[in-house]
Amino acid sequence: MRQLHLNHNHTPEELATINEALTKCLLVDEVDEAHLQILIEQRKKLVDKLLKSMNIQQQKLFAQDELQTNQRLVDHVTCLRNTAKKALASVASSSRAIKQYQQV
């Protein structure tokens, strides 16, 4: 089974809950893009709120871990996008081939 780890040593419970929902959303065969967008926006707002409530040292530690987590998210979504592009290219190619055969 695919895995996506979004929590780190400085992940508060509220953020861990959103991360769990994001992971579930991203690891299904058909990603619900609208739901994904909502979760990403919720996560961003919460991270901003958390950063504002921390002192400078906490912010530094949290931000370092969050940068790695965000990169994992970007990498995963990029992989999904590339897979979708390949599938669409395959469908377009098949569609063109069908049209050519129909003309014969």
Protein backbone atom coordinates (compact mmCIF):
# COMPACT_ATOMS: atom_id res chain seq x y z
CA MET A 1 0.00 0.00 0.00
CA ARG A 2 1.17 3.53 -0.77
CA GLN A 3 2.08 5.71 2.18
CA LEU A 4 2.27 9.44 2.75
CA HIS A 5 3.69 10.72 6.04
CA LEU A 6 2.63 14.28 6.80
CA ASN A 7 3.17 14.40 10.57
CA HIS A 8 6.43 15.29 12.28
CA ASN A 9 7.72 15.79 15.83
CA HIS A 10 6.12 19.23 16.08
CA THR A 11 2.71 18.36 14.63
CA PRO A 12 -0.09 19.38 17.01
CA GLU A 13 -3.19 17.18 17.26
CA GLU A 14 -5.41 19.56 15.29
CA LEU A 15 -2.98 19.54 12.36
CA ALA A 16 -2.53 15.76 12.63
CA THR A 17 -6.29 15.39 12.13
CA ILE A 18 -6.18 17.42 8.90
CA ASN A 19 -3.07 15.53 7.79
CA GLU A 20 -4.89 12.23 8.30
CA ALA A 21 -7.83 13.43 6.20
CA LEU A 22 -5.42 14.66 3.50
CA THR A 23 -3.62 11.33 3.45
CA LYS A 24 -6.90 9.44 3.09
CA CYS A 25 -7.98 11.79 0.31
CA LEU A 26 -4.72 11.40 -1.61
CA LEU A 27 -4.31 7.63 -1.32
CA VAL A 28 -7.53 6.61 -3.05
CA ASP A 29 -7.76 5.58 -6.69
CA GLU A 30 -9.96 8.56 -7.63
CA VAL A 31 -8.95 11.75 -5.79
CA ASP A 32 -11.82 14.12 -5.01
CA GLU A 33 -10.15 17.35 -6.15
CA ALA A 34 -12.72 19.66 -4.54
CA HIS A 35 -12.32 17.92 -1.18
CA LEU A 36 -8.52 17.97 -1.58
CA GLN A 37 -8.59 21.72 -2.23
CA ILE A 38 -10.70 22.31 0.89
CA LEU A 39 -8.33 20.24 3.04
CA ILE A 40 -5.27 22.03 1.68
CA GLU A 41 -6.84 25.42 2.41
CA GLN A 42 -7.80 24.30 5.94
CA ARG A 43 -4.26 23.05 6.49
CA LYS A 44 -2.72 26.32 5.28
CA LYS A 45 -4.95 28.42 7.54
CA LEU A 46 -4.18 26.22 10.53
CA VAL A 47 -0.42 26.31 9.90
CA ASP A 48 -0.55 30.12 9.64
CA LYS A 49 -2.53 30.28 12.90
CA LEU A 50 -0.11 27.92 14.65
CA LEU A 51 2.92 29.89 13.52
CA LYS A 52 1.43 33.12 14.88
CA SER A 53 0.93 31.49 18.29
CA MET A 54 4.54 30.26 18.59
CA ASN A 55 7.70 31.97 19.79
CA ILE A 56 10.59 32.43 17.35
CA GLN A 57 12.39 29.21 18.30
CA GLN A 58 9.21 27.12 18.03
CA GLN A 59 8.42 28.75 14.70
CA LYS A 60 11.86 27.83 13.39
CA LEU A 61 11.57 24.16 14.38
CA PHE A 62 7.99 23.86 13.19
CA ALA A 63 8.71 25.62 9.89
CA GLN A 64 11.71 23.37 9.14
CA ASP A 65 9.56 20.27 9.57
CA GLU A 66 6.65 21.80 7.66
CA LEU A 67 8.88 22.60 4.69
CA GLN A 68 9.71 18.91 4.39
CA THR A 69 6.06 17.94 4.80
CA ASN A 70 4.98 20.46 2.17
CA GLN A 71 7.58 19.10 -0.23
CA ARG A 72 6.21 15.57 0.28
CA LEU A 73 2.72 16.90 -0.49
CA VAL A 74 3.92 18.72 -3.61
CA ASP A 75 5.82 15.63 -4.79
CA HIS A 76 2.79 13.39 -4.27
CA VAL A 77 0.37 15.73 -6.03
CA THR A 78 2.86 16.23 -8.88
CA CYS A 79 3.07 12.47 -9.30
CA LEU A 80 -0.73 12.25 -9.41
CA ARG A 81 -0.87 15.04 -11.98
CA ASN A 82 1.76 13.36 -14.16
CA THR A 83 -0.12 10.06 -13.98
CA ALA A 84 -3.33 11.82 -15.02
CA LYS A 85 -1.53 13.54 -17.91
CA LYS A 86 -0.22 10.21 -19.17
CA ALA A 87 -3.69 8.69 -18.94
CA LEU A 88 -5.20 11.61 -20.87
CA ALA A 89 -2.49 11.40 -23.53
CA SER A 90 -3.22 7.69 -23.91
CA VAL A 91 -6.95 8.35 -24.28
CA ALA A 92 -6.31 11.08 -26.85
CA SER A 93 -3.99 8.79 -28.80
CA SER A 94 -6.54 5.97 -28.74
CA SER A 95 -9.27 8.34 -29.84
CA ARG A 96 -7.21 9.49 -32.83
CA ALA A 97 -6.47 5.87 -33.75
CA ILE A 98 -10.17 4.99 -33.62
CA LYS A 99 -11.03 7.91 -35.87
CA GLN A 100 -8.40 6.80 -38.38
CA TYR A 101 -9.78 3.26 -38.43
CA GLN A 102 -13.31 4.57 -38.91
CA GLN A 103 -12.19 6.51 -41.97
CA VAL A 104 -10.84 3.37 -43.64
